[in-house]
Protein backbone atom coordinates (compact mmCIF):
# COMPACT_ATOMS: atom_id res chain seq x y z
CA MET A 1 -0.10 0.09 -0.21
CA PRO A 2 1.43 3.45 -0.89
CA ASP A 3 2.66 5.52 1.99
CA PHE A 4 0.05 8.30 1.30
CA ILE A 5 -2.96 5.83 1.22
CA TRP A 6 -1.61 4.13 4.49
CA ASN A 7 -1.26 7.45 6.39
CA ILE A 8 -4.48 8.54 5.41
CA VAL A 9 -6.14 5.16 6.39
CA PHE A 10 -4.58 5.37 9.94
CA PHE A 11 -5.09 8.93 10.33
CA ILE A 12 -8.95 8.39 9.76
CA VAL A 13 -8.73 5.42 12.25
CA ALA A 14 -7.02 7.49 15.09
CA ILE A 15 -9.07 10.69 14.65
CA GLY A 16 -12.15 8.37 14.53
CA ILE A 17 -11.24 6.62 17.97
CA LEU A 18 -10.29 10.07 19.50
CA VAL A 19 -13.17 12.00 18.29
CA THR A 20 -15.74 9.13 19.36
CA PHE A 21 -14.36 8.94 22.76
CA HIS A 22 -14.41 12.79 23.11
CA GLU A 23 -18.01 13.35 21.99
CA TYR A 24 -19.22 10.16 23.91
CA GLY A 25 -17.69 12.19 27.09
CA HIS A 26 -19.87 15.05 26.12
CA PHE A 27 -23.00 12.73 25.34
CA TRP A 28 -22.98 10.68 28.32
CA VAL A 29 -22.72 13.14 30.88
CA ALA A 30 -25.58 15.06 28.85
CA ARG A 31 -27.77 12.07 29.10
CA LYS A 32 -26.94 11.70 33.16
CA CYS A 33 -28.19 15.46 33.35
CA ASN A 34 -31.38 14.58 31.69
CA VAL A 35 -30.39 16.76 28.48
CA LYS A 36 -32.03 15.68 25.44
CA VAL A 37 -29.25 14.90 22.79
CA ILE A 38 -30.55 15.66 19.10
CA ARG A 39 -27.65 14.42 17.30
CA PHE A 40 -24.36 12.56 17.80
CA SER A 41 -22.08 12.95 14.72
CA ILE A 42 -18.68 11.67 14.11
CA GLY A 43 -17.37 13.71 11.21
CA PHE A 44 -18.89 16.75 9.21
CA GLY A 45 -20.72 17.23 5.99
CA LYS A 46 -23.21 14.66 4.43
CA ALA A 47 -24.11 11.33 6.49
CA LEU A 48 -22.67 8.43 5.27
CA TRP A 49 -24.61 6.36 7.88
CA LYS A 50 -27.31 7.08 10.28
CA ARG A 51 -29.65 5.65 13.03
CA VAL A 52 -32.14 7.01 15.40
CA ASP A 53 -32.46 5.32 18.90
CA LYS A 54 -35.37 5.14 21.29
CA HIS A 55 -34.67 8.38 22.83
CA GLY A 56 -34.87 10.26 19.61
CA THR A 57 -30.94 10.86 19.17
CA GLU A 58 -29.76 10.65 15.65
CA PHE A 59 -26.25 8.80 15.36
CA VAL A 60 -24.54 9.84 12.41
CA ILE A 61 -21.13 8.77 10.45
CA ALA A 62 -20.32 11.74 8.17
CA ALA A 63 -18.27 12.28 5.00
CA ILE A 64 -15.56 14.53 6.28
CA PRO A 65 -13.40 12.74 9.28
CA LEU A 66 -12.04 15.57 10.94
CA GLY A 67 -13.91 16.15 14.17
CA GLY A 68 -17.49 15.55 15.48
CA TYR A 69 -19.91 17.32 17.41
CA VAL A 70 -23.09 16.44 20.08
CA LYS A 71 -25.97 18.65 19.52
CA MET A 72 -28.05 19.06 22.63
CA LEU A 73 -31.63 20.75 22.78
CA ASP A 74 -31.24 24.44 23.51
CA GLU A 75 -33.78 27.09 23.69
CA ARG A 76 -31.39 29.81 22.54
CA VAL A 77 -31.23 27.95 19.06
CA ASP A 78 -34.25 25.28 19.12
CA ASP A 79 -38.17 25.42 19.04
CA VAL A 80 -38.70 23.70 22.29
CA LEU A 81 -41.86 21.95 23.07
CA PRO A 82 -43.46 22.59 26.67
CA GLU A 83 -42.98 18.89 27.98
CA ASP A 84 -38.99 19.34 26.94
CA LYS A 85 -38.55 22.56 28.74
CA ASN A 86 -36.50 20.50 31.44
CA ASN A 87 -34.44 18.82 29.16
CA THR A 88 -32.67 21.50 27.50
CA PHE A 89 -28.80 22.33 27.88
CA ASN A 90 -29.64 26.02 28.87
CA SER A 91 -31.83 24.96 31.61
CA LYS A 92 -29.18 23.23 33.57
CA SER A 93 -27.36 24.45 36.41
CA VAL A 94 -23.70 26.01 35.76
CA TYR A 95 -22.16 23.15 37.68
CA GLN A 96 -23.93 20.58 35.14
CA ARG A 97 -23.18 22.77 32.18
CA ILE A 98 -19.51 22.56 33.22
CA ALA A 99 -19.77 19.04 33.63
CA ILE A 100 -21.27 18.09 30.37
CA VAL A 101 -18.78 20.62 28.44
CA SER A 102 -15.53 19.25 30.51
CA ALA A 103 -16.38 15.74 29.91
CA GLY A 104 -15.03 15.56 26.33
CA PRO A 105 -11.36 16.59 27.29
CA ILE A 106 -11.68 14.13 30.47
CA ALA A 107 -12.83 11.40 28.02
CA ASN A 108 -9.47 11.91 26.11
CA PHE A 109 -7.28 11.59 29.17
CA LEU A 110 -9.02 8.55 30.08
CA LEU A 111 -8.67 7.05 26.68
CA ALA A 112 -4.91 7.79 27.00
CA ILE A 113 -4.87 5.72 30.30
CA VAL A 114 -6.54 2.83 28.39
CA ALA A 115 -4.12 3.09 25.54
CA PHE A 116 -1.10 3.19 27.65
CA TYR A 117 -2.51 0.30 29.86
CA PHE A 118 -2.49 -2.02 26.94
CA VAL A 119 1.00 -0.71 25.58
CA PHE A 120 2.30 -1.87 29.05
CA LEU A 121 0.37 -5.06 29.41
CA ILE A 122 1.36 -6.12 25.80
CA GLY A 123 4.99 -4.95 26.34
CA THR A 124 7.56 -4.10 23.96
CA THR A 125 11.08 -5.30 23.17
CA THR A 126 13.44 -2.53 24.00
CA ILE A 127 17.05 -1.89 24.13
CA LYS A 128 19.05 -0.52 27.24
CA PRO A 129 19.54 3.06 26.88
CA VAL A 130 23.56 2.79 26.67
CA ILE A 131 25.63 5.63 25.54
CA GLY A 132 27.85 4.53 22.60
CA GLU A 133 29.59 7.65 21.81
CA PHE A 134 29.30 11.52 21.56
CA VAL A 135 28.89 14.09 18.69
CA GLU A 136 32.03 16.06 18.52
CA GLN A 137 31.74 19.46 20.11
CA SER A 138 28.45 18.79 21.62
CA VAL A 139 27.03 19.65 25.22
CA THR A 140 27.49 16.02 26.51
CA GLU A 141 30.95 15.41 24.80
CA ARG A 142 32.00 18.27 27.38
CA SER A 143 30.45 16.95 30.06
CA THR A 144 31.63 14.15 32.53
CA LEU A 145 29.32 11.70 30.85
CA LYS A 146 31.14 8.44 29.49
CA VAL A 147 30.41 5.90 26.93
CA ASN A 148 29.23 2.35 27.72
CA GLN A 149 27.14 3.69 30.69
CA GLN A 150 23.43 3.27 31.10
CA ILE A 151 21.38 6.27 31.58
CA ILE A 152 18.95 5.79 34.53
CA SER A 153 17.33 9.34 35.06
CA ILE A 154 17.37 12.66 33.66
CA ASP A 155 16.49 15.54 36.14
CA GLY A 156 15.19 13.10 38.66
CA ARG A 157 12.80 11.44 36.05
CA LYS A 158 13.36 7.67 36.04
CA VAL A 159 13.94 6.77 32.45
CA GLU A 160 14.01 3.05 31.10
CA THR A 161 13.83 3.53 27.13
CA TRP A 162 15.51 6.04 24.73
CA GLN A 163 11.84 7.17 24.20
CA ASP A 164 11.91 8.01 27.57
CA ILE A 165 15.01 9.69 27.55
CA ASN A 166 13.75 11.66 24.45
CA MET A 167 10.79 12.91 26.37
CA ALA A 168 12.71 13.95 29.46
CA LEU A 169 15.33 15.79 27.37
CA VAL A 170 12.39 17.75 25.65
CA ALA A 171 11.25 18.88 29.00
CA GLU A 172 14.63 20.68 29.50
CA ILE A 173 14.35 22.89 26.49
CA GLY A 174 15.09 26.42 27.92
CA ASN A 175 16.99 25.28 30.97
CA LYS A 176 20.56 25.98 31.46
CA ALA A 177 21.72 22.87 32.94
CA VAL A 178 20.43 19.07 33.67
CA GLU A 179 21.48 16.51 35.89
CA ILE A 180 21.87 12.83 34.19
CA LYS A 181 22.31 9.65 36.15
CA THR A 182 24.19 6.71 34.70
CA LEU A 183 25.04 3.42 35.67
CA GLY A 184 28.15 1.67 34.90
CA LEU A 185 27.65 -1.75 32.91
CA ASP A 186 30.21 -3.62 34.88
CA SER A 187 28.86 -2.42 38.28
CA GLN A 188 26.07 -0.89 40.22
CA TYR A 189 27.76 2.40 40.80
CA VAL A 190 25.66 5.31 39.87
CA SER A 191 27.28 8.35 38.57
CA SER A 192 26.07 11.80 38.16
CA SER A 193 26.76 14.31 35.76
CA LEU A 194 25.60 18.19 35.29
CA VAL A 195 25.21 18.94 31.59
CA ASP A 196 25.43 22.59 30.71
CA LEU A 197 22.77 23.46 28.29
CA SER A 198 23.50 26.94 27.90
CA GLN A 199 24.88 26.40 24.48
CA TRP A 200 22.54 23.91 23.41
CA LYS A 201 21.48 24.72 20.00
CA TYR A 202 18.57 22.24 19.66
CA GLN A 203 16.28 22.24 16.39
CA PRO A 204 13.18 20.14 17.40
CA GLU A 205 11.87 20.47 13.81
CA VAL A 206 14.97 18.54 12.47
CA MET A 207 16.33 16.44 14.98
CA SER A 208 15.31 14.31 18.16
CA ALA A 209 16.52 15.71 21.64
CA ILE A 210 18.89 12.81 21.93
CA GLU A 211 20.77 13.90 18.71
CA GLY A 212 20.53 17.55 20.06
CA VAL A 213 22.52 16.76 23.01
CA GLY A 214 25.19 14.87 21.09
CA ILE A 215 24.18 11.39 22.42
CA ILE A 216 24.86 8.50 20.02
CA PRO A 217 23.07 5.23 21.16
CA PHE A 218 25.24 2.11 21.56
CA THR A 219 24.52 -0.20 18.72
CA PRO A 220 26.31 -3.74 17.89
CA SER A 221 29.13 -3.39 15.13
CA GLY A 222 27.78 -3.71 11.64
CA THR A 223 28.89 -6.04 8.96
CA CYS A 224 29.41 -5.37 5.14
CA PHE A 225 26.58 -7.67 4.24
CA ILE A 226 23.24 -6.03 3.04
CA SER A 227 19.98 -6.99 4.81
CA PHE A 228 17.60 -4.20 3.42
CA ILE A 229 17.24 -2.24 0.32
CA GLU A 230 14.75 0.61 0.08
CA LYS A 231 12.48 0.50 -2.79
CA GLY A 232 13.12 3.04 -5.50
CA SER A 233 16.53 4.05 -3.63
CA PRO A 234 19.95 4.45 -5.57
CA ALA A 235 21.07 0.86 -4.46
CA ASP A 236 17.93 -0.58 -5.67
CA ILE A 237 18.11 1.31 -9.25
CA ALA A 238 21.75 0.11 -9.57
CA GLY A 239 20.83 -3.49 -8.80
CA VAL A 240 22.27 -4.17 -5.19
CA SER A 241 20.72 -7.36 -3.56
CA VAL A 242 20.15 -8.39 -0.03
CA GLY A 243 23.19 -10.64 0.87
CA ASP A 244 25.70 -8.55 -1.11
CA LYS A 245 28.68 -7.60 0.58
CA PHE A 246 30.50 -4.30 0.18
CA THR A 247 34.10 -4.34 -0.29
CA ALA A 248 35.08 -0.77 -1.79
CA ILE A 249 33.91 2.43 -2.62
CA ASN A 250 35.51 4.06 -5.88
CA GLY A 251 38.48 1.61 -5.62
CA GLN A 252 39.05 2.45 -2.13
CA ASN A 253 38.54 -0.50 0.38
CA VAL A 254 36.25 -0.37 3.32
CA SER A 255 36.76 -1.76 6.80
CA SER A 256 36.32 -5.13 7.52
CA ASN A 257 33.36 -4.17 9.42
CA CYS A 258 32.31 -1.43 7.26
CA ASN A 259 32.10 1.11 10.06
CA ASP A 260 33.55 3.66 7.76
CA PHE A 261 31.14 2.83 4.96
CA THR A 262 28.22 5.04 6.06
CA LYS A 263 30.44 7.95 6.66
CA LYS A 264 31.81 7.75 3.06
CA ILE A 265 28.54 7.51 1.34
CA GLN A 266 27.53 10.63 3.46
CA ALA A 267 30.45 12.48 2.37
CA LEU A 268 29.54 12.04 -1.48
CA PRO A 269 26.12 13.73 -2.02
CA LYS A 270 24.79 13.55 -5.66
CA GLU A 271 27.82 11.82 -6.75
CA ARG A 272 28.08 8.93 -9.05
CA ILE A 273 30.30 6.22 -7.55
CA ASP A 274 31.57 2.75 -8.36
CA LEU A 275 30.48 0.37 -5.66
CA THR A 276 32.46 -2.92 -5.46
CA ILE A 277 30.57 -6.01 -3.99
CA GLU A 278 30.95 -9.47 -3.46
CA ARG A 279 27.91 -11.93 -4.71
CA ALA A 280 27.93 -15.66 -4.79
CA ASN A 281 31.90 -15.71 -4.70
CA GLN A 282 31.94 -13.12 -7.45
CA THR A 283 33.45 -9.51 -7.63
CA LEU A 284 30.87 -7.07 -9.23
CA ILE A 285 31.42 -3.12 -10.05
CA LEU A 286 28.01 -1.43 -9.85
CA GLU A 287 27.85 2.12 -10.98
CA VAL A 288 25.69 4.02 -8.45
CA GLN A 289 24.04 7.65 -8.42
CA LEU A 290 23.82 8.82 -5.01
CA VAL A 291 20.98 11.39 -4.01
CA ALA A 292 21.30 14.12 -1.23
CA LYS A 293 19.37 14.08 1.93
CA ASN A 294 19.06 16.85 4.33
CA ARG A 295 20.22 16.02 7.60
CA ASN A 296 20.48 18.57 10.60
CA GLY A 297 20.77 21.50 7.71
CA ILE A 298 23.80 19.54 6.01
CA GLU A 299 23.24 17.63 2.68
CA GLN A 300 24.62 14.12 2.87
CA GLY A 301 24.93 11.22 0.29
CA TYR A 302 22.16 8.54 0.50
CA LEU A 303 22.27 4.98 -0.84
CA GLY A 304 19.15 3.35 0.71
CA VAL A 305 20.27 0.34 2.21
CA GLY A 306 20.56 -1.40 5.72
CA ARG A 307 23.47 -3.39 6.93
CA GLN A 308 23.64 -6.68 9.02
CA ARG A 309 24.69 -6.14 12.66
CA GLU A 310 26.22 -8.43 15.09
CA ALA A 311 24.01 -9.79 17.91
CA TRP A 312 23.11 -7.57 20.83
CA PRO A 313 25.32 -8.23 23.87
CA GLU A 314 23.63 -10.29 26.39
CA GLY A 315 21.11 -8.39 28.77
CA PHE A 316 20.89 -5.53 26.19
CA GLU A 317 17.79 -6.57 24.54
CA TYR A 318 14.82 -7.36 26.77
CA THR A 319 10.96 -7.14 26.71
CA LEU A 320 9.37 -4.41 28.88
CA THR A 321 6.13 -5.46 30.16
CA TYR A 322 3.96 -5.17 33.16
CA GLY A 323 1.10 -7.37 34.98
CA VAL A 324 -2.52 -6.77 34.56
CA PHE A 325 -3.00 -4.75 37.89
CA GLU A 326 0.44 -3.05 37.55
CA SER A 327 -0.31 -1.85 34.03
CA ILE A 328 -3.34 0.49 35.24
CA GLY A 329 -0.77 2.26 37.57
CA LYS A 330 1.66 2.51 34.64
CA GLY A 331 -0.97 3.73 32.56
CA VAL A 332 -1.87 6.68 34.89
CA GLU A 333 1.45 7.74 35.65
CA LYS A 334 2.47 7.79 31.81
CA THR A 335 -0.52 9.87 31.19
CA TRP A 336 0.22 12.12 33.94
CA GLN A 337 3.89 12.32 32.86
CA THR A 338 2.79 13.20 28.91
CA THR A 339 0.17 15.63 30.30
CA ARG A 340 2.61 17.39 32.41
CA LEU A 341 5.10 17.56 29.64
CA SER A 342 2.72 18.97 27.17
CA PHE A 343 1.64 21.72 29.32
CA GLU A 344 5.28 22.35 29.85
CA MET A 345 5.94 22.41 26.02
CA LEU A 346 2.96 24.79 25.78
CA GLY A 347 4.47 27.27 28.16
CA LYS A 348 7.91 27.02 26.31
CA LEU A 349 6.00 27.71 23.12
CA VAL A 350 4.42 30.84 24.60
CA SER A 351 7.73 31.92 26.26
CA GLY A 352 9.52 31.30 22.73
CA ASP A 353 12.11 28.65 24.14
CA ILE A 354 10.40 26.39 21.48
CA SER A 355 9.91 27.79 17.83
CA ALA A 356 6.05 27.68 16.62
CA LYS A 357 7.73 25.96 13.32
CA ASN A 358 7.07 22.66 15.53
CA LEU A 359 3.60 22.79 15.26
CA SER A 360 2.12 20.07 13.21
CA GLY A 361 -1.31 19.94 11.34
CA PRO A 362 -3.17 17.26 9.71
CA VAL A 363 -0.46 16.17 7.43
CA GLY A 364 2.05 15.67 10.21
CA ILE A 365 -0.48 13.94 12.28
CA ALA A 366 -1.36 11.75 9.40
CA GLN A 367 2.55 10.92 8.93
CA GLY A 368 2.68 9.94 12.79
CA ALA A 369 -0.39 7.98 12.71
CA GLY A 370 1.02 5.96 9.38
CA ASN A 371 4.66 5.53 10.83
CA SER A 372 3.26 4.36 14.22
CA ALA A 373 1.13 1.99 12.71
CA SER A 374 3.80 0.47 10.33
CA TYR A 375 5.83 -0.47 13.53
CA GLY A 376 2.95 -2.45 15.08
CA LEU A 377 -0.19 -2.19 17.49
CA VAL A 378 1.90 -1.26 20.46
CA TYR A 379 3.35 1.85 18.80
CA PHE A 380 -0.04 2.93 17.34
CA LEU A 381 -1.56 2.79 20.62
CA SER A 382 1.10 4.99 22.14
CA PHE A 383 0.58 7.38 19.29
CA VAL A 384 -3.40 7.25 19.97
CA ALA A 385 -2.60 8.06 23.52
CA PHE A 386 -0.21 11.00 22.94
CA PHE A 387 -2.56 12.38 20.28
CA SER A 388 -5.35 11.95 22.64
CA ILE A 389 -3.70 13.72 25.50
CA ASN A 390 -2.80 16.57 22.93
CA LEU A 391 -6.49 16.72 21.86
CA GLY A 392 -7.67 17.11 25.37
CA ILE A 393 -5.47 19.69 26.44
CA PHE A 394 -6.00 21.68 23.07
CA ASN A 395 -9.89 21.77 23.77
CA LEU A 396 -9.18 23.31 27.31
CA LEU A 397 -7.75 26.17 25.89
CA PRO A 398 -9.47 29.07 26.79
CA LEU A 399 -10.78 30.09 23.21
CA PRO A 400 -14.55 30.50 22.89
CA VAL A 401 -14.97 28.10 20.11
CA LEU A 402 -13.40 25.35 22.35
CA ASP A 403 -14.57 23.50 25.07
CA GLY A 404 -12.13 25.46 27.30
CA GLY A 405 -13.55 29.06 26.22
CA HIS A 406 -17.52 27.60 27.23
CA ILE A 407 -16.02 26.60 30.39
CA LEU A 408 -14.61 29.98 30.96
CA TYR A 409 -17.97 31.70 30.24
CA TYR A 410 -19.44 29.53 32.90
CA LEU A 411 -16.80 30.19 35.36
CA ILE A 412 -17.53 33.86 34.94
CA GLU A 413 -21.13 33.18 35.25
CA LEU A 414 -20.51 31.54 38.52
CA LEU A 415 -18.44 34.52 39.63
CA THR A 416 -20.78 37.25 38.72
CA GLY A 417 -24.02 35.43 39.20
CA LYS A 418 -25.25 36.00 35.71
CA PRO A 419 -24.62 34.63 32.30
CA VAL A 420 -22.04 36.65 29.92
CA PRO A 421 -24.09 38.52 27.64
CA GLU A 422 -24.91 36.95 24.26
CA LYS A 423 -23.65 39.99 22.52
CA VAL A 424 -19.94 39.35 24.19
CA GLN A 425 -20.04 35.75 23.66
CA GLU A 426 -20.65 36.24 20.06
CA ILE A 427 -17.83 38.64 19.90
CA GLY A 428 -15.99 35.87 21.70
CA PHE A 429 -16.74 33.24 19.32
CA ARG A 430 -15.78 35.37 16.12
CA PHE A 431 -12.25 36.10 17.64
CA GLY A 432 -11.99 32.50 18.92
CA ALA A 433 -12.91 31.43 15.30
CA ILE A 434 -10.39 33.59 13.81
CA ALA A 435 -7.44 32.47 16.14
CA LEU A 436 -8.39 28.80 15.64
CA PHE A 437 -8.28 28.90 12.03
CA SER A 438 -5.14 31.03 11.86
CA LEU A 439 -3.47 28.57 14.33
CA MET A 440 -4.70 25.54 11.75
CA ALA A 441 -3.37 27.50 8.89
CA PHE A 442 -0.05 28.16 10.40
CA ALA A 443 0.20 24.51 11.35
CA LEU A 444 -0.50 23.21 7.64
CA PHE A 445 1.92 25.69 6.52
CA ASN A 446 4.57 24.03 8.56
CA ASP A 447 3.61 20.72 7.34
CA ILE A 448 3.87 21.94 3.85
CA SER A 449 7.18 23.49 4.36
CA ARG A 450 8.55 20.04 5.97
CA LEU A 451 7.36 18.06 2.91
């Protein structure tokens, strides 16, 4: 299946799950408060499927899968029969209205807990986060950190995987220094290093936080045998096959384990090279036209192959999984950590520590959905959990067109004892709509720029 179609399919699946949970939160609490629900719609536009239940609620799946809504009976916009006067949204107390509106974002956080629960219950094969080497002149190379040490905590946050480390480092953006604790592989001695971040030139839009600080994860030594060829890549076009062994580039021999092979290829962007290989006891020379790929603002040569590696040392590779009940606590903990990090990132975005260029729109989200799904169920569930948390937080922003804006109006009503005037609300909704569409347009522009 082409990447574009794959990404679209899983984008729709992810959006469908998130919107359904979000809107069901509104729907369920509205029903509990005896508010008549006219329509429960997943998507906008023309109805592709509809059904009416015994309560008179119309359930709809619509053509445009970019959101959804729950339409409740409201005297301000609907003609209400006398017998339904007490079943309107506007007839309910302020506390009930706040409960109904806030139920959507709360449902998103609950969905994240459920998704993370299954992530921890199913488990993932992971690698110990051991430092392999440092990028020259990076902030970590200038620190007291050493290679062949396992990172166990960052700024007091326990970390077990490289993903944990990346998230913990992201939270340090804008800080002057960070404490990183490590464990020696041949001892239980814990070392503590203070890494100076004042010269940390991190670009989230082009690199991970781990790359940004200059840490290169430990990986087993490579071999010269090819294990993977990207379809349509220069290697594929030139006729390189899985199982081939590289021996030379432009007549210059490569090292016995080919550790210098990648660097030699990267140094030749857009160059035409002669690649010497061994295949079935024969020596062949293939002419290959390399392409250039941009990495951290630098053009590098690209061949499009994966090389076989030696086996991981004993104990490096393990399955990280938890029990039925322990996974509940881990799901709650992970949801809280991610929520806290998201709020921290929002604050850093406002303060300018993080560039607005990092905002992603529907294209970026679709790519994330497709990429995570390609790695398997656990990774897709993790993506759904992260996306759900961010959707919940986004909906709590105090913009009048969002749930957070409605809650703000109701809190003002609680303080003043009377509703916010309709005219003021209308102005607020217009302002909120302009702000929201501007934000969406900017995020979409970022997506297009990355493409």
